[in-house]
Amino acid sequence: MNKKAKRRLIVVGGIIVIAMLVIVAVAGSGGAASSLSISDVLSGDYEGKKVQVTGSVVADSVSAKGSTAEFKIQPEDGDASQQLAVSYSGALPATFGAGVVAICTGTVTNGTLDASEMVTKCPSKYESAEGSLTVKGLKDQASTLTGADVKVCGYVRGQINGADADYRFTIESQGEKMNVVYDGGLDDNIKDGTALVIAGQLDSDGNFHASEQPSIDSSVKE
């Protein structure tokens, strides 16, 4: 190969390398998610594009279809007139639930955000168990306390279920267990063995429906 042909080969090779780098750079910038408001996405201008949207999970909007969770989010200021449907394929974090602020990243498809990533923000809550009933104490008075607003305390036993499950977790105190129903977000420190104080009502089936975020018992040292 003569010098002229060799030089031409080097130039052509350099052009190809530069072109490939430009293509990769363009593709990478196109894959970045734009941070948008819910109203921006609802405008329809971002169909097929990757976006990141922050909103509060709408109460009673969470449902499960196989391994996919479907729910709606609305602006954090509570404007219920703007609600965006979200479809999320992945494990729901314990902090996920109604009223929780969710940051969802994904692609807009037919007006729904198909989220591939989600993180949540949920404040921790601590409260003393003073004045609350044990699970056994509540069950012993079920005939008079069913449907009444009470507080119950106990230790989490077993796993924490998702917000779309039939019940969130089981608590135990004085040898008695009870399932707790709650679709809101939980402190991510809540796990098997955590002592909790929970406000809510006992139903006729023996389940306890929490009316607010369960609190970690501040009187119990970890």
Protein backbone atom coordinates (compact mmCIF):
# COMPACT_ATOMS: atom_id res chain seq x y z
CA MET A 1 0.00 0.00 0.00
CA ASN A 2 1.46 3.34 -1.04
CA LYS A 3 1.59 6.38 1.23
CA LYS A 4 -1.28 8.15 -0.56
CA ALA A 5 -3.67 5.21 -0.16
CA LYS A 6 -2.59 4.79 3.44
CA ARG A 7 -3.27 8.45 4.19
CA ARG A 8 -6.70 8.22 2.53
CA LEU A 9 -7.56 5.16 4.66
CA ILE A 10 -6.61 6.99 7.85
CA VAL A 11 -8.74 10.01 6.92
CA VAL A 12 -11.76 7.84 6.07
CA GLY A 13 -11.35 5.89 9.31
CA GLY A 14 -11.20 9.14 11.29
CA ILE A 15 -14.38 10.42 9.66
CA ILE A 16 -16.20 7.19 10.52
CA VAL A 17 -15.10 7.38 14.17
CA ILE A 18 -16.22 11.01 14.46
CA ALA A 19 -19.59 10.19 12.87
CA MET A 20 -20.13 7.33 15.33
CA LEU A 21 -19.33 9.59 18.28
CA VAL A 22 -21.84 12.18 17.05
CA ILE A 23 -24.55 9.51 16.67
CA VAL A 24 -23.92 8.20 20.20
CA ALA A 25 -24.03 11.74 21.63
CA VAL A 26 -27.31 12.53 19.88
CA ALA A 27 -28.87 9.24 20.96
CA GLY A 28 -27.75 9.82 24.55
CA SER A 29 -29.22 13.30 24.70
CA GLY A 30 -32.47 12.03 23.21
CA GLY A 31 -32.77 9.42 25.96
CA ALA A 32 -32.63 11.92 28.79
CA ALA A 33 -35.91 12.46 30.62
CA SER A 34 -37.39 15.97 30.65
CA SER A 35 -38.66 17.08 34.07
CA LEU A 36 -42.25 18.23 33.51
CA SER A 37 -45.39 19.16 35.41
CA ILE A 38 -48.51 17.02 35.22
CA SER A 39 -50.26 19.71 33.17
CA ASP A 40 -47.39 19.64 30.66
CA VAL A 41 -47.86 15.91 30.07
CA LEU A 42 -51.65 16.18 29.92
CA SER A 43 -51.29 18.71 27.10
CA GLY A 44 -50.50 15.83 24.74
CA ASP A 45 -47.30 17.46 23.47
CA TYR A 46 -45.04 14.77 24.91
CA GLU A 47 -46.54 11.60 23.44
CA GLY A 48 -43.82 9.00 22.90
CA LYS A 49 -41.22 11.02 24.80
CA LYS A 50 -39.31 10.15 27.98
CA VAL A 51 -40.31 12.39 30.88
CA GLN A 52 -40.04 12.69 34.66
CA VAL A 53 -43.13 13.82 36.56
CA THR A 54 -43.70 14.44 40.26
CA GLY A 55 -47.13 14.19 41.88
CA SER A 56 -49.17 12.99 44.83
CA VAL A 57 -50.71 9.50 44.53
CA VAL A 58 -54.49 9.82 44.29
CA ALA A 59 -56.48 7.95 46.97
CA ASP A 60 -58.29 4.79 45.80
CA SER A 61 -56.52 4.90 42.43
CA VAL A 62 -54.03 2.08 43.05
CA SER A 63 -54.69 -1.28 41.39
CA ALA A 64 -52.61 -4.25 40.26
CA LYS A 65 -52.58 -6.04 36.91
CA GLY A 66 -50.16 -8.92 37.29
CA SER A 67 -46.75 -7.46 38.07
CA THR A 68 -47.84 -3.98 36.98
CA ALA A 69 -49.21 -1.36 39.39
CA GLU A 70 -51.57 1.25 37.99
CA PHE A 71 -52.37 4.50 39.79
CA LYS A 72 -52.91 8.22 39.26
CA ILE A 73 -50.93 11.21 40.44
CA GLN A 74 -52.04 14.81 40.82
CA PRO A 75 -50.20 18.06 41.64
CA GLU A 76 -48.87 18.26 45.18
CA ASP A 77 -51.12 21.28 45.83
CA GLY A 78 -54.11 18.92 45.57
CA ASP A 79 -55.59 20.09 42.25
CA ALA A 80 -57.80 17.06 41.52
CA SER A 81 -58.73 18.42 38.08
CA GLN A 82 -55.30 17.38 36.80
CA GLN A 83 -54.66 13.67 37.21
CA LEU A 84 -52.13 11.63 35.23
CA ALA A 85 -52.47 7.85 34.86
CA VAL A 86 -49.27 5.93 35.62
CA SER A 87 -48.44 2.31 34.83
CA TYR A 88 -45.40 1.03 36.75
CA SER A 89 -43.80 -2.37 36.23
CA GLY A 90 -41.65 -3.07 39.24
CA ALA A 91 -41.69 -3.76 42.96
CA LEU A 92 -43.54 -1.09 44.92
CA PRO A 93 -41.47 0.39 47.76
CA ALA A 94 -42.95 0.26 51.27
CA THR A 95 -43.18 4.04 51.23
CA PHE A 96 -45.57 3.98 48.26
CA GLY A 97 -49.27 4.63 48.87
CA ALA A 98 -52.14 7.11 48.71
CA GLY A 99 -51.07 10.68 49.40
CA VAL A 100 -47.38 9.95 48.94
CA VAL A 101 -45.33 12.09 46.57
CA ALA A 102 -44.04 9.90 43.73
CA ILE A 103 -41.35 10.86 41.22
CA CYS A 104 -42.04 8.80 38.09
CA THR A 105 -39.81 8.46 35.03
CA GLY A 106 -40.91 6.82 31.80
CA THR A 107 -42.48 7.22 28.36
CA VAL A 108 -45.87 8.76 27.62
CA THR A 109 -48.05 6.28 25.71
CA ASN A 110 -51.64 7.13 24.78
CA GLY A 111 -51.80 9.67 27.59
CA THR A 112 -50.47 7.23 30.23
CA LEU A 113 -47.00 7.43 31.75
CA ASP A 114 -45.38 3.99 31.38
CA ALA A 115 -42.91 4.39 34.24
CA SER A 116 -39.71 2.36 34.32
CA GLU A 117 -38.43 4.12 37.45
CA MET A 118 -40.13 5.49 40.55
CA VAL A 119 -38.98 6.91 43.87
CA THR A 120 -41.20 8.18 46.68
CA LYS A 121 -40.98 10.77 49.40
CA CYS A 122 -42.70 9.93 52.69
CA PRO A 123 -41.98 11.61 56.05
CA SER A 124 -41.16 9.52 59.10
CA LYS A 125 -43.63 9.53 61.99
CA TYR A 126 -43.07 8.66 65.66
CA GLU A 127 -45.61 8.52 68.47
CA SER A 128 -45.89 7.17 72.00
CA ALA A 129 -48.00 4.06 72.58
CA GLU A 130 -49.49 5.58 75.74
CA GLY A 131 -53.28 5.38 75.65
CA SER A 132 -53.39 2.71 72.92
CA LEU A 133 -54.75 -0.83 73.16
CA THR A 134 -52.85 -4.05 72.59
CA VAL A 135 -54.13 -6.40 69.89
CA LYS A 136 -55.48 -8.75 72.57
CA GLY A 137 -57.11 -5.86 74.43
CA LEU A 138 -58.84 -4.69 71.26
CA LYS A 139 -60.02 -8.17 70.34
CA ASP A 140 -61.34 -8.77 73.86
CA GLN A 141 -63.51 -5.65 73.48
CA ALA A 142 -64.43 -6.21 69.83
CA SER A 143 -68.16 -6.35 70.57
CA THR A 144 -68.14 -2.75 71.76
CA LEU A 145 -65.16 -1.28 69.86
CA THR A 146 -65.80 -2.53 66.29
CA GLY A 147 -66.15 0.56 64.09
CA ALA A 148 -64.94 2.92 66.83
CA ASP A 149 -61.91 5.20 66.47
CA VAL A 150 -59.12 3.66 68.57
CA LYS A 151 -55.37 3.26 68.70
CA VAL A 152 -53.68 -0.13 68.78
CA CYS A 153 -50.03 -1.00 69.37
CA GLY A 154 -48.02 -4.04 68.44
CA TYR A 155 -44.98 -5.46 66.69
CA VAL A 156 -44.85 -6.10 62.94
CA ARG A 157 -44.71 -9.81 62.19
CA GLY A 158 -43.58 -10.97 58.76
CA GLN A 159 -43.30 -9.05 55.52
CA ILE A 160 -44.61 -5.65 54.49
CA ASN A 161 -47.02 -5.95 51.54
CA GLY A 162 -47.59 -3.41 48.77
CA ALA A 163 -50.30 -0.76 48.86
CA ASP A 164 -52.34 -2.82 46.37
CA ALA A 165 -52.47 -5.92 48.62
CA ASP A 166 -55.49 -7.04 50.69
CA TYR A 167 -53.66 -6.03 53.87
CA ARG A 168 -50.38 -4.19 54.47
CA PHE A 169 -48.86 -6.14 57.34
CA THR A 170 -49.62 -8.11 60.53
CA ILE A 171 -49.04 -6.86 64.07
CA GLU A 172 -48.86 -8.85 67.30
CA SER A 173 -49.08 -7.99 70.99
CA GLN A 174 -49.90 -10.10 74.05
CA GLY A 175 -49.88 -13.24 71.91
CA GLU A 176 -52.63 -12.07 69.51
CA LYS A 177 -52.20 -11.12 65.84
CA MET A 178 -54.20 -8.83 63.55
CA ASN A 179 -53.93 -7.77 59.91
CA VAL A 180 -53.65 -4.04 59.22
CA VAL A 181 -55.25 -2.56 56.10
CA TYR A 182 -53.66 0.66 54.82
CA ASP A 183 -53.10 2.01 51.31
CA GLY A 184 -50.89 4.97 52.21
CA GLY A 185 -47.12 5.28 52.38
CA LEU A 186 -45.09 3.79 55.22
CA ASP A 187 -41.90 4.92 56.88
CA ASP A 188 -39.16 2.88 55.19
CA ASN A 189 -37.82 1.95 58.65
CA ILE A 190 -40.91 -0.18 59.28
CA LYS A 191 -40.05 -3.87 58.98
CA ASP A 192 -40.47 -7.19 60.76
CA GLY A 193 -40.17 -6.54 64.52
CA THR A 194 -40.85 -2.78 64.45
CA ALA A 195 -43.11 -1.52 67.26
CA LEU A 196 -46.00 0.55 65.92
CA VAL A 197 -48.87 2.70 67.13
CA ILE A 198 -51.79 2.73 64.70
CA ALA A 199 -54.96 4.84 64.70
CA GLY A 200 -58.04 3.50 62.95
CA GLN A 201 -61.00 1.14 63.27
CA LEU A 202 -61.57 -2.57 63.75
CA ASP A 203 -63.93 -4.12 61.20
CA SER A 204 -66.35 -7.04 61.66
CA ASP A 205 -63.86 -9.45 60.04
CA GLY A 206 -61.17 -8.70 62.62
CA ASN A 207 -59.02 -6.51 60.38
CA PHE A 208 -57.76 -3.12 61.53
CA HIS A 209 -58.15 -0.26 59.03
CA ALA A 210 -55.53 2.43 59.66
CA SER A 211 -56.89 5.95 59.19
CA GLU A 212 -53.44 7.58 59.01
CA GLN A 213 -49.80 6.69 58.57
CA PRO A 214 -48.81 4.10 61.23
CA SER A 215 -46.31 5.54 63.70
CA ILE A 216 -43.14 3.97 65.06
CA ASP A 217 -43.49 3.65 68.83
CA SER A 218 -41.10 6.26 70.23
CA SER A 219 -41.08 4.58 73.64
CA VAL A 220 -39.41 1.43 72.26
CA LYS A 221 -35.66 1.53 71.68
CA GLU A 222 -34.39 -0.36 68.65
